[in-house]
N, C-alpha and C. Protein backbone atom coordinates (compact mmCIF):
# COMPACT_ATOMS: atom_id res chain seq x y z
N MET A 1 0.81 -1.21 0.00
CA MET A 1 0.03 -0.05 -0.08
C MET A 1 0.81 1.26 0.00
N SER A 2 2.02 1.27 0.64
CA SER A 2 2.84 2.40 0.72
C SER A 2 3.46 2.75 -0.67
N VAL A 3 3.60 1.80 -1.53
CA VAL A 3 4.13 2.05 -2.95
C VAL A 3 3.07 2.83 -3.71
N ILE A 4 1.81 2.46 -3.56
CA ILE A 4 0.72 3.19 -4.27
C ILE A 4 0.67 4.58 -3.79
N ARG A 5 0.83 4.89 -2.49
CA ARG A 5 0.80 6.24 -2.04
C ARG A 5 1.94 7.02 -2.55
N TRP A 6 3.07 6.38 -2.60
CA TRP A 6 4.30 7.04 -3.10
C TRP A 6 4.11 7.39 -4.59
N VAL A 7 3.53 6.50 -5.42
CA VAL A 7 3.23 6.77 -6.83
C VAL A 7 2.26 7.91 -6.97
N VAL A 8 1.26 7.94 -6.16
CA VAL A 8 0.23 9.00 -6.23
C VAL A 8 0.85 10.27 -5.86
N ALA A 9 1.70 10.37 -4.86
CA ALA A 9 2.38 11.60 -4.41
C ALA A 9 3.21 12.11 -5.52
N VAL A 10 4.01 11.26 -6.21
CA VAL A 10 4.87 11.64 -7.31
C VAL A 10 4.01 12.20 -8.46
N VAL A 11 2.93 11.61 -8.80
CA VAL A 11 2.07 12.06 -9.86
C VAL A 11 1.43 13.38 -9.55
N LEU A 12 1.04 13.58 -8.30
CA LEU A 12 0.40 14.91 -7.87
C LEU A 12 1.55 15.99 -7.93
N LEU A 13 2.73 15.67 -7.43
CA LEU A 13 3.82 16.62 -7.43
C LEU A 13 4.14 17.02 -8.85
N ALA A 14 4.21 16.05 -9.78
CA ALA A 14 4.57 16.28 -11.12
C ALA A 14 3.52 17.18 -11.81
N SER A 15 2.18 16.91 -11.50
CA SER A 15 1.12 17.70 -12.10
C SER A 15 1.15 19.14 -11.56
N LEU A 16 1.51 19.33 -10.30
CA LEU A 16 1.61 20.75 -9.80
C LEU A 16 2.72 21.48 -10.45
N VAL A 17 3.84 20.80 -10.66
CA VAL A 17 5.04 21.42 -11.30
C VAL A 17 4.65 21.84 -12.71
N LEU A 18 3.98 20.98 -13.42
CA LEU A 18 3.58 21.28 -14.78
C LEU A 18 2.58 22.37 -14.87
N ALA A 19 1.60 22.37 -13.97
CA ALA A 19 0.58 23.38 -13.91
C ALA A 19 1.19 24.78 -13.60
N SER A 20 2.15 24.81 -12.67
CA SER A 20 2.75 26.10 -12.38
C SER A 20 3.62 26.56 -13.59
N SER A 21 4.27 25.70 -14.27
CA SER A 21 5.08 26.13 -15.41
C SER A 21 4.16 26.63 -16.55
N TRP A 22 2.98 26.10 -16.59
CA TRP A 22 2.05 26.57 -17.74
C TRP A 22 1.56 27.91 -17.39
N THR A 23 1.26 28.24 -16.11
CA THR A 23 0.65 29.52 -15.80
C THR A 23 1.76 30.64 -15.75
N LEU A 24 2.98 30.28 -15.67
CA LEU A 24 4.06 31.34 -15.67
C LEU A 24 4.66 31.55 -16.98
N SER A 25 4.32 30.80 -17.97
CA SER A 25 5.00 31.00 -19.29
C SER A 25 4.43 32.24 -19.95
N PRO A 26 5.27 33.05 -20.68
CA PRO A 26 4.83 34.25 -21.35
C PRO A 26 3.77 33.96 -22.41
N ALA A 27 3.80 32.78 -23.06
CA ALA A 27 2.89 32.45 -24.11
C ALA A 27 1.49 32.40 -23.59
N ASN A 28 1.25 32.20 -22.24
CA ASN A 28 -0.05 32.13 -21.77
C ASN A 28 -0.59 33.54 -21.28
N GLY A 29 0.06 34.55 -21.59
CA GLY A 29 -0.49 35.86 -21.24
C GLY A 29 0.21 36.53 -20.07
N ALA A 30 1.17 35.90 -19.47
CA ALA A 30 1.89 36.60 -18.39
C ALA A 30 2.70 37.71 -18.94
N ALA A 31 2.80 38.82 -18.22
CA ALA A 31 3.54 40.02 -18.67
C ALA A 31 5.04 39.75 -18.64
N PRO A 32 5.74 40.11 -19.69
CA PRO A 32 7.20 39.94 -19.64
C PRO A 32 7.78 40.89 -18.63
N SER A 33 8.86 40.49 -18.03
CA SER A 33 9.50 41.36 -17.04
C SER A 33 10.35 42.42 -17.83
N CYS A 34 10.45 43.55 -17.24
CA CYS A 34 11.26 44.57 -17.86
C CYS A 34 12.47 44.92 -16.94
N THR A 35 13.48 45.49 -17.48
CA THR A 35 14.67 45.83 -16.76
C THR A 35 14.86 47.33 -16.89
N VAL A 36 15.50 47.97 -15.91
CA VAL A 36 15.75 49.41 -15.95
C VAL A 36 16.67 49.73 -17.17
N GLN A 37 16.27 50.67 -17.96
CA GLN A 37 17.07 51.09 -19.12
C GLN A 37 17.15 52.59 -19.13
N ARG A 38 18.34 53.12 -19.52
CA ARG A 38 18.57 54.55 -19.67
C ARG A 38 18.31 54.86 -21.17
N ASP A 39 17.56 55.94 -21.36
CA ASP A 39 17.31 56.39 -22.74
C ASP A 39 17.59 57.90 -22.69
N GLY A 40 18.81 58.32 -22.95
CA GLY A 40 19.22 59.72 -22.84
C GLY A 40 19.19 60.14 -21.41
N ASN A 41 18.41 61.18 -21.13
CA ASN A 41 18.22 61.66 -19.77
C ASN A 41 17.04 61.05 -18.99
N VAL A 42 16.38 60.04 -19.60
CA VAL A 42 15.27 59.45 -18.97
C VAL A 42 15.47 57.99 -18.72
N TRP A 43 14.99 57.53 -17.59
CA TRP A 43 15.17 56.12 -17.23
C TRP A 43 13.81 55.43 -17.36
N LEU A 44 13.77 54.22 -17.92
CA LEU A 44 12.57 53.50 -18.20
C LEU A 44 12.44 52.27 -17.32
N CYS A 45 11.25 51.85 -17.01
CA CYS A 45 10.96 50.62 -16.29
C CYS A 45 11.53 50.61 -14.87
N ILE A 46 11.37 51.75 -14.18
CA ILE A 46 11.88 51.81 -12.83
C ILE A 46 10.76 51.36 -11.87
N THR A 47 11.20 51.05 -10.55
CA THR A 47 10.20 50.75 -9.55
C THR A 47 10.23 51.92 -8.59
N PRO A 48 8.97 52.53 -8.38
CA PRO A 48 8.90 53.67 -7.50
C PRO A 48 9.32 53.31 -6.04
N GLY A 49 10.05 54.12 -5.40
CA GLY A 49 10.54 53.84 -4.04
C GLY A 49 11.81 52.98 -3.98
N ALA A 50 12.24 52.46 -5.07
CA ALA A 50 13.44 51.65 -5.04
C ALA A 50 14.72 52.60 -5.15
N PHE A 51 15.83 52.04 -4.91
CA PHE A 51 17.05 52.75 -5.00
C PHE A 51 17.31 53.14 -6.44
N CYS A 52 17.91 54.29 -6.65
CA CYS A 52 18.27 54.70 -8.07
C CYS A 52 19.73 54.92 -8.12
N PRO A 53 20.37 54.73 -9.27
CA PRO A 53 21.79 54.93 -9.38
C PRO A 53 22.17 56.38 -9.32
N LYS A 54 23.51 56.58 -8.88
CA LYS A 54 23.97 57.92 -8.81
C LYS A 54 23.90 58.67 -10.15
N ALA A 55 24.06 58.01 -11.28
CA ALA A 55 23.94 58.64 -12.53
C ALA A 55 22.59 59.19 -12.80
N ALA A 56 21.57 58.69 -12.13
CA ALA A 56 20.22 59.18 -12.36
C ALA A 56 19.77 60.32 -11.50
N HIS A 57 20.65 60.77 -10.58
CA HIS A 57 20.32 61.86 -9.57
C HIS A 57 19.78 63.09 -10.31
N LYS A 58 18.66 63.55 -9.85
CA LYS A 58 17.93 64.74 -10.36
C LYS A 58 17.33 64.49 -11.78
N LEU A 59 17.33 63.19 -12.27
CA LEU A 59 16.72 62.93 -13.56
C LEU A 59 15.44 62.23 -13.31
N TYR A 60 14.66 62.06 -14.47
CA TYR A 60 13.34 61.43 -14.35
C TYR A 60 13.34 60.07 -14.88
N GLY A 61 12.41 59.29 -14.39
CA GLY A 61 12.18 57.89 -14.75
C GLY A 61 10.71 57.62 -14.75
N TYR A 62 10.33 56.60 -15.58
CA TYR A 62 8.94 56.23 -15.74
C TYR A 62 8.79 54.79 -15.22
N SER A 63 7.73 54.57 -14.43
CA SER A 63 7.51 53.25 -13.80
C SER A 63 7.11 52.23 -14.81
N LYS A 64 7.32 50.98 -14.38
CA LYS A 64 7.04 49.88 -15.32
C LYS A 64 5.60 49.71 -15.64
N GLY A 65 4.67 49.82 -14.69
CA GLY A 65 3.27 49.45 -14.97
C GLY A 65 2.54 50.54 -15.58
N LYS A 66 2.46 51.70 -14.89
CA LYS A 66 1.49 52.74 -15.34
C LYS A 66 2.20 53.94 -15.93
N MET A 67 3.51 53.84 -16.16
CA MET A 67 4.29 54.90 -16.79
C MET A 67 4.12 56.26 -16.03
N ILE A 68 4.21 56.18 -14.69
CA ILE A 68 4.10 57.30 -13.88
C ILE A 68 5.50 57.97 -13.75
N ARG A 69 5.52 59.27 -13.88
CA ARG A 69 6.77 60.00 -13.82
C ARG A 69 7.32 60.09 -12.37
N ASN A 70 8.61 59.72 -12.24
CA ASN A 70 9.27 59.77 -10.94
C ASN A 70 10.58 60.50 -11.15
N ARG A 71 11.16 60.95 -10.01
CA ARG A 71 12.42 61.64 -10.02
C ARG A 71 13.40 61.04 -9.01
N CYS A 72 14.61 60.84 -9.34
CA CYS A 72 15.57 60.28 -8.42
C CYS A 72 16.04 61.42 -7.44
N THR A 73 15.62 61.30 -6.20
CA THR A 73 15.93 62.29 -5.20
C THR A 73 16.69 61.72 -3.97
N TRP A 74 17.35 62.50 -3.33
CA TRP A 74 18.10 62.15 -2.16
C TRP A 74 17.22 62.20 -0.90
N TYR A 75 17.19 61.14 -0.23
CA TYR A 75 16.39 61.03 1.07
C TYR A 75 17.40 61.20 2.21
N ALA A 76 17.31 62.23 2.97
CA ALA A 76 18.20 62.46 4.11
C ALA A 76 18.02 61.48 5.17
N SER A 77 16.80 60.97 5.44
CA SER A 77 16.56 60.02 6.53
C SER A 77 17.29 58.75 6.29
N SER A 78 17.35 58.23 5.07
CA SER A 78 18.06 56.93 4.85
C SER A 78 19.40 57.17 4.14
N ARG A 79 19.71 58.41 3.81
CA ARG A 79 20.96 58.77 3.13
C ARG A 79 21.19 57.97 1.88
N ARG A 80 20.05 57.80 1.09
CA ARG A 80 20.10 57.14 -0.16
C ARG A 80 19.40 57.88 -1.25
N LEU A 81 19.72 57.44 -2.52
CA LEU A 81 18.92 58.04 -3.67
C LEU A 81 17.78 56.99 -3.90
N ARG A 82 16.61 57.58 -4.06
CA ARG A 82 15.40 56.74 -4.36
C ARG A 82 14.53 57.44 -5.40
N TRP A 83 13.77 56.56 -6.11
CA TRP A 83 12.75 57.10 -7.07
C TRP A 83 11.62 57.54 -6.25
N ALA A 84 11.18 58.83 -6.46
CA ALA A 84 10.01 59.37 -5.74
C ALA A 84 9.10 60.04 -6.82
N PRO A 85 7.83 60.15 -6.51
CA PRO A 85 6.89 60.74 -7.43
C PRO A 85 7.30 62.18 -7.79
N ALA A 86 7.32 62.47 -9.02
CA ALA A 86 7.78 63.77 -9.48
C ALA A 86 6.63 64.77 -9.27
N PRO A 87 6.99 66.06 -8.95
CA PRO A 87 5.91 67.06 -8.90
C PRO A 87 5.27 67.28 -10.22
N ILE A 88 4.02 67.52 -10.23
CA ILE A 88 3.28 67.75 -11.52
C ILE A 88 3.48 69.20 -11.95
N LYS A 89 3.96 69.42 -13.13
CA LYS A 89 4.12 70.78 -13.65
C LYS A 89 2.82 71.36 -14.08
N PRO A 90 2.51 72.60 -13.66
CA PRO A 90 1.29 73.16 -14.11
C PRO A 90 1.42 73.56 -15.61
N VAL A 91 0.30 73.39 -16.36
CA VAL A 91 0.31 73.75 -17.71
C VAL A 91 -0.07 75.18 -17.86
N VAL A 92 0.79 75.93 -18.47
CA VAL A 92 0.55 77.37 -18.62
C VAL A 92 0.26 77.59 -20.10
N CYS A 93 -0.91 78.03 -20.38
CA CYS A 93 -1.34 78.32 -21.78
C CYS A 93 -0.96 79.80 -22.11
N PRO A 94 -0.32 79.98 -23.27
CA PRO A 94 0.01 81.35 -23.63
C PRO A 94 -1.27 82.16 -23.89
N THR A 95 -1.22 83.44 -23.55
CA THR A 95 -2.37 84.25 -23.80
C THR A 95 -2.38 84.62 -25.34
N PRO A 96 -3.52 84.57 -25.96
CA PRO A 96 -3.54 84.85 -27.39
C PRO A 96 -3.35 86.43 -27.63
N THR A 97 -2.66 86.79 -28.64
CA THR A 97 -2.46 88.15 -28.96
C THR A 97 -3.24 88.41 -30.26
N VAL A 98 -4.01 89.51 -30.26
CA VAL A 98 -4.84 89.81 -31.42
C VAL A 98 -4.31 91.20 -31.98
N THR A 99 -4.03 91.13 -33.26
CA THR A 99 -3.63 92.43 -33.95
C THR A 99 -4.73 92.79 -34.98
N VAL A 100 -5.00 93.98 -35.00
CA VAL A 100 -6.00 94.54 -35.90
C VAL A 100 -5.35 95.54 -36.78
N THR A 101 -5.54 95.35 -38.07
CA THR A 101 -5.01 96.32 -39.04
C THR A 101 -6.17 96.97 -39.78
N VAL A 102 -6.14 98.24 -39.86
CA VAL A 102 -7.26 99.02 -40.55
C VAL A 102 -6.64 99.55 -41.82
N THR A 103 -7.34 99.28 -42.96
CA THR A 103 -6.91 99.80 -44.22
C THR A 103 -7.96 100.77 -44.66
N PRO A 104 -7.64 101.95 -45.18
CA PRO A 104 -8.64 102.91 -45.75
C PRO A 104 -9.21 102.39 -47.02
N VAL A 105 -10.55 102.65 -47.15
CA VAL A 105 -11.23 102.24 -48.37
C VAL A 105 -11.55 103.48 -49.20
N ASP A 106 -11.19 103.45 -50.48
CA ASP A 106 -11.48 104.61 -51.33
C ASP A 106 -12.99 104.48 -51.76
N THR A 107 -13.69 105.62 -51.70
CA THR A 107 -15.08 105.65 -52.12
C THR A 107 -15.20 106.49 -53.44
N PRO A 108 -15.88 105.98 -54.41
CA PRO A 108 -16.00 106.77 -55.64
C PRO A 108 -16.86 108.05 -55.63
């Protein structure tokens, strides 16, 4: 009887391993992982709140999921550089300028 239990346990374990590999494969819809990349003065695929490199200090980065803008800032409490939410810049619309030109009309 113990041999049958051992065989059943091995079969169940193998089925769990196969099922977990099926659900984690990118072909089944799982999102591919991204890595931090520098593109000029912008960093892509960062994790908000995580440590940022010294080269990114005072630069902007965009988070991996929602593309939220973050800035690499110095935290005095931990004495580390971290990605923090960037302040939102107010949009200033230029005031329109109107010029009026008057031309005289000759009357007969």
